[in-house]
Amino acid sequence: MTDDPCSDLVDIGGVAQLLGMKPDSARTLIGRSAKTSHPFPQACVRLGGRPGWQIDDVTDWMRGRPGAGRGPRPNRRMSDEQRLYSLAKGKDFLTPSQCAKFLRMELDEFRRLPRSKRPKETKVGAYIRFAIADIVEWRNGKKAA
């Protein structure tokens, strides 16, 4: 360890690097955290009007963040189709027209079925999709009845 008292200080660029984001995003996060129950630590030094933080203070703050360890949040910029596939967890989905073909029905006939008489549907954004496993289960239940 060096005798330099400033060796464990970071500026906004260093904070951004520790947080894994760009400096502008780190500034925004620091500003927003002031209004939360877990505010970002106060800068311990100012040089030329720019704040500096101790690395230990920043890493302690990161470990104590609410939700730390939960994993990434779903990306809000995903399209509905991408979100559907991320939720699928190994399931294959069909569109209503594909579902009708799979069941050997005309699309109009399929659409006229009351929702209670159709296979279970999954709605993501503007899309309605049917899991193949749910369609097969529905078809087998219908044949047994």
C-alpha atoms as a PDB file:
ATOM      1  CA  MET A   1       0.000   0.000   0.000  1.00  0.00           C
ATOM      2  CA  THR A   2       1.309   3.452  -0.832  1.00  0.00           C
ATOM      3  CA  ASP A   3       1.628   6.377   1.566  1.00  0.00           C
ATOM      4  CA  ASP A   4      -0.381   8.567  -0.816  1.00  0.00           C
ATOM      5  CA  PRO A   5      -3.635   9.560   0.998  1.00  0.00           C
ATOM      6  CA  CYS A   6      -5.340  10.134  -2.360  1.00  0.00           C
ATOM      7  CA  SER A   7      -4.635   6.681  -3.794  1.00  0.00           C
ATOM      8  CA  ASP A   8      -8.005   5.307  -2.717  1.00  0.00           C
ATOM      9  CA  LEU A   9     -10.055   8.201  -4.111  1.00  0.00           C
ATOM     10  CA  VAL A  10     -12.162   8.090  -7.272  1.00  0.00           C
ATOM     11  CA  ASP A  11     -13.810  10.785  -9.326  1.00  0.00           C
ATOM     12  CA  ILE A  12     -17.104  10.417 -11.201  1.00  0.00           C
ATOM     13  CA  GLY A  13     -15.328   8.410 -13.910  1.00  0.00           C
ATOM     14  CA  GLY A  14     -14.016   5.977 -11.298  1.00  0.00           C
ATOM     15  CA  VAL A  15     -17.448   5.705  -9.680  1.00  0.00           C
ATOM     16  CA  ALA A  16     -18.963   4.991 -13.095  1.00  0.00           C
ATOM     17  CA  GLN A  17     -16.375   2.296 -13.723  1.00  0.00           C
ATOM     18  CA  LEU A  18     -17.106   0.672 -10.346  1.00  0.00           C
ATOM     19  CA  LEU A  19     -20.846   0.754 -11.098  1.00  0.00           C
ATOM     20  CA  GLY A  20     -20.366  -0.539 -14.635  1.00  0.00           C
ATOM     21  CA  MET A  21     -21.949   2.432 -16.357  1.00  0.00           C
ATOM     22  CA  LYS A  22     -21.147   5.652 -18.173  1.00  0.00           C
ATOM     23  CA  PRO A  23     -20.258   8.805 -16.177  1.00  0.00           C
ATOM     24  CA  ASP A  24     -23.519  10.574 -17.156  1.00  0.00           C
ATOM     25  CA  SER A  25     -25.525   7.591 -15.908  1.00  0.00           C
ATOM     26  CA  ALA A  26     -23.532   7.549 -12.664  1.00  0.00           C
ATOM     27  CA  ARG A  27     -24.262  11.262 -12.142  1.00  0.00           C
ATOM     28  CA  THR A  28     -27.969  10.600 -12.656  1.00  0.00           C
ATOM     29  CA  LEU A  29     -27.904   7.654 -10.240  1.00  0.00           C
ATOM     30  CA  ILE A  30     -26.110   9.715  -7.590  1.00  0.00           C
ATOM     31  CA  GLY A  31     -28.626  12.544  -7.974  1.00  0.00           C
ATOM     32  CA  ARG A  32     -31.647  10.232  -7.820  1.00  0.00           C
ATOM     33  CA  SER A  33     -30.304   8.289  -4.848  1.00  0.00           C
ATOM     34  CA  ALA A  34     -30.358  11.481  -2.740  1.00  0.00           C
ATOM     35  CA  LYS A  35     -34.155  11.174  -2.626  1.00  0.00           C
ATOM     36  CA  THR A  36     -34.125   7.533  -1.506  1.00  0.00           C
ATOM     37  CA  SER A  37     -33.615   5.740   1.785  1.00  0.00           C
ATOM     38  CA  HIS A  38     -30.129   4.700   0.622  1.00  0.00           C
ATOM     39  CA  PRO A  39     -28.424   7.903  -0.602  1.00  0.00           C
ATOM     40  CA  PHE A  40     -25.039   7.837  -2.281  1.00  0.00           C
ATOM     41  CA  PRO A  41     -22.226   8.810   0.132  1.00  0.00           C
ATOM     42  CA  GLN A  42     -21.147  12.428   0.264  1.00  0.00           C
ATOM     43  CA  ALA A  43     -17.920  13.299  -1.530  1.00  0.00           C
ATOM     44  CA  CYS A  44     -15.024  13.418   0.898  1.00  0.00           C
ATOM     45  CA  VAL A  45     -13.013  15.900  -1.161  1.00  0.00           C
ATOM     46  CA  ARG A  46     -13.476  18.479  -3.899  1.00  0.00           C
ATOM     47  CA  LEU A  47     -10.686  19.313  -6.282  1.00  0.00           C
ATOM     48  CA  GLY A  48     -11.290  22.032  -8.808  1.00  0.00           C
ATOM     49  CA  GLY A  49     -14.999  21.869  -8.018  1.00  0.00           C
ATOM     50  CA  ARG A  50     -15.155  18.162  -8.825  1.00  0.00           C
ATOM     51  CA  PRO A  51     -16.161  15.630  -6.157  1.00  0.00           C
ATOM     52  CA  GLY A  52     -14.034  12.711  -5.063  1.00  0.00           C
ATOM     53  CA  TRP A  53     -15.102   9.644  -3.083  1.00  0.00           C
ATOM     54  CA  GLN A  54     -13.264   6.982  -1.140  1.00  0.00           C
ATOM     55  CA  ILE A  55     -13.446   3.651  -2.965  1.00  0.00           C
ATOM     56  CA  ASP A  56     -14.486   1.877   0.260  1.00  0.00           C
ATOM     57  CA  ASP A  57     -17.468   4.239   0.674  1.00  0.00           C
ATOM     58  CA  VAL A  58     -18.613   3.562  -2.890  1.00  0.00           C
ATOM     59  CA  THR A  59     -18.234  -0.230  -2.625  1.00  0.00           C
ATOM     60  CA  ASP A  60     -20.029  -0.272   0.767  1.00  0.00           C
ATOM     61  CA  TRP A  61     -22.868   1.733  -0.802  1.00  0.00           C
ATOM     62  CA  MET A  62     -23.035  -0.694  -3.733  1.00  0.00           C
ATOM     63  CA  ARG A  63     -23.262  -3.728  -1.403  1.00  0.00           C
ATOM     64  CA  GLY A  64     -26.048  -2.104   0.602  1.00  0.00           C
ATOM     65  CA  ARG A  65     -28.201  -1.065  -2.343  1.00  0.00           C
ATOM     66  CA  PRO A  66     -31.778  -2.281  -2.091  1.00  0.00           C
ATOM     67  CA  GLY A  67     -32.293  -5.131  -4.505  1.00  0.00           C
ATOM     68  CA  ALA A  68     -28.586  -5.903  -4.746  1.00  0.00           C
ATOM     69  CA  GLY A  69     -28.155  -9.481  -5.902  1.00  0.00           C
ATOM     70  CA  ARG A  70     -31.592  -9.738  -7.534  1.00  0.00           C
ATOM     71  CA  GLY A  71     -30.077  -9.918 -10.970  1.00  0.00           C
ATOM     72  CA  PRO A  72     -30.823  -7.764 -13.974  1.00  0.00           C
ATOM     73  CA  ARG A  73     -34.231  -6.193 -14.436  1.00  0.00           C
ATOM     74  CA  PRO A  74     -36.153  -6.988 -17.594  1.00  0.00           C
ATOM     75  CA  ASN A  75     -35.098  -4.667 -20.346  1.00  0.00           C
ATOM     76  CA  ARG A  76     -37.871  -2.176 -21.006  1.00  0.00           C
ATOM     77  CA  ARG A  77     -36.518  -1.591 -24.490  1.00  0.00           C
ATOM     78  CA  MET A  78     -37.225  -5.155 -25.568  1.00  0.00           C
ATOM     79  CA  SER A  79     -39.845  -5.636 -28.209  1.00  0.00           C
ATOM     80  CA  ASP A  80     -42.949  -7.561 -27.183  1.00  0.00           C
ATOM     81  CA  GLU A  81     -41.699 -10.539 -29.180  1.00  0.00           C
ATOM     82  CA  GLN A  82     -38.317 -10.489 -27.398  1.00  0.00           C
ATOM     83  CA  ARG A  83     -40.049 -10.209 -24.033  1.00  0.00           C
ATOM     84  CA  LEU A  84     -42.292 -13.144 -24.940  1.00  0.00           C
ATOM     85  CA  TYR A  85     -39.304 -15.323 -25.809  1.00  0.00           C
ATOM     86  CA  SER A  86     -37.476 -14.317 -22.618  1.00  0.00           C
ATOM     87  CA  LEU A  87     -40.544 -15.377 -20.608  1.00  0.00           C
ATOM     88  CA  ALA A  88     -40.996 -18.586 -22.611  1.00  0.00           C
ATOM     89  CA  LYS A  89     -38.402 -20.618 -20.665  1.00  0.00           C
ATOM     90  CA  GLY A  90     -38.193 -23.326 -23.283  1.00  0.00           C
ATOM     91  CA  LYS A  91     -41.802 -23.138 -24.486  1.00  0.00           C
ATOM     92  CA  ASP A  92     -42.652 -22.693 -28.130  1.00  0.00           C
ATOM     93  CA  PHE A  93     -45.427 -20.208 -28.883  1.00  0.00           C
ATOM     94  CA  LEU A  94     -47.802 -19.973 -31.832  1.00  0.00           C
ATOM     95  CA  THR A  95     -49.775 -17.051 -33.197  1.00  0.00           C
ATOM     96  CA  PRO A  96     -53.571 -17.409 -33.308  1.00  0.00           C
ATOM     97  CA  SER A  97     -53.452 -18.327 -37.022  1.00  0.00           C
ATOM     98  CA  GLN A  98     -50.699 -20.900 -36.398  1.00  0.00           C
ATOM     99  CA  CYS A  99     -52.712 -22.271 -33.480  1.00  0.00           C
ATOM    100  CA  ALA A 100     -55.800 -22.651 -35.721  1.00  0.00           C
ATOM    101  CA  LYS A 101     -53.731 -24.516 -38.332  1.00  0.00           C
ATOM    102  CA  PHE A 102     -52.212 -26.710 -35.620  1.00  0.00           C
ATOM    103  CA  LEU A 103     -55.756 -27.614 -34.484  1.00  0.00           C
ATOM    104  CA  ARG A 104     -56.880 -28.080 -38.113  1.00  0.00           C
ATOM    105  CA  MET A 105     -59.433 -25.295 -37.863  1.00  0.00           C
ATOM    106  CA  GLU A 106     -60.138 -22.228 -39.919  1.00  0.00           C
ATOM    107  CA  LEU A 107     -58.956 -19.008 -38.275  1.00  0.00           C
ATOM    108  CA  ASP A 108     -62.516 -17.588 -38.237  1.00  0.00           C
ATOM    109  CA  GLU A 109     -63.796 -20.757 -36.574  1.00  0.00           C
ATOM    110  CA  PHE A 110     -61.009 -20.542 -33.985  1.00  0.00           C
ATOM    111  CA  ARG A 111     -61.733 -16.873 -33.271  1.00  0.00           C
ATOM    112  CA  ARG A 112     -65.444 -17.600 -32.765  1.00  0.00           C
ATOM    113  CA  LEU A 113     -64.649 -19.992 -29.928  1.00  0.00           C
ATOM    114  CA  PRO A 114     -65.371 -18.361 -26.543  1.00  0.00           C
ATOM    115  CA  ARG A 115     -62.185 -17.686 -24.605  1.00  0.00           C
ATOM    116  CA  SER A 116     -63.223 -20.260 -22.015  1.00  0.00           C
ATOM    117  CA  LYS A 117     -63.292 -22.897 -24.798  1.00  0.00           C
ATOM    118  CA  ARG A 118     -59.880 -22.008 -26.267  1.00  0.00           C
ATOM    119  CA  PRO A 119     -56.428 -23.120 -25.197  1.00  0.00           C
ATOM    120  CA  LYS A 120     -54.839 -20.941 -22.518  1.00  0.00           C
ATOM    121  CA  GLU A 121     -53.431 -17.785 -24.112  1.00  0.00           C
ATOM    122  CA  THR A 122     -50.455 -15.662 -23.137  1.00  0.00           C
ATOM    123  CA  LYS A 123     -50.650 -11.932 -23.776  1.00  0.00           C
ATOM    124  CA  VAL A 124     -47.476  -9.876 -24.026  1.00  0.00           C
ATOM    125  CA  GLY A 125     -48.005  -6.279 -25.084  1.00  0.00           C
ATOM    126  CA  ALA A 126     -50.140  -6.309 -28.196  1.00  0.00           C
ATOM    127  CA  TYR A 127     -49.481  -9.975 -28.957  1.00  0.00           C
ATOM    128  CA  ILE A 128     -51.617 -12.973 -28.067  1.00  0.00           C
ATOM    129  CA  ARG A 129     -49.743 -16.258 -28.248  1.00  0.00           C
ATOM    130  CA  PHE A 130     -50.461 -19.862 -27.381  1.00  0.00           C
ATOM    131  CA  ALA A 131     -47.900 -22.249 -25.899  1.00  0.00           C
ATOM    132  CA  ILE A 132     -47.759 -25.511 -27.842  1.00  0.00           C
ATOM    133  CA  ALA A 133     -47.805 -27.458 -24.562  1.00  0.00           C
ATOM    134  CA  ASP A 134     -51.057 -25.679 -23.564  1.00  0.00           C
ATOM    135  CA  ILE A 135     -52.590 -26.364 -26.993  1.00  0.00           C
ATOM    136  CA  VAL A 136     -51.761 -30.078 -26.792  1.00  0.00           C
ATOM    137  CA  GLU A 137     -53.084 -30.274 -23.220  1.00  0.00           C
ATOM    138  CA  TRP A 138     -56.300 -28.497 -24.292  1.00  0.00           C
ATOM    139  CA  ARG A 139     -56.729 -30.767 -27.324  1.00  0.00           C
ATOM    140  CA  ASN A 140     -56.170 -33.929 -25.232  1.00  0.00           C
ATOM    141  CA  GLY A 141     -58.653 -32.715 -22.605  1.00  0.00           C
ATOM    142  CA  LYS A 142     -61.210 -31.968 -25.312  1.00  0.00           C
ATOM    143  CA  LYS A 143     -60.820 -35.468 -26.841  1.00  0.00           C
ATOM    144  CA  ALA A 144     -61.217 -37.105 -23.408  1.00  0.00           C
ATOM    145  CA  ALA A 145     -64.461 -35.222 -22.734  1.00  0.00           C
END
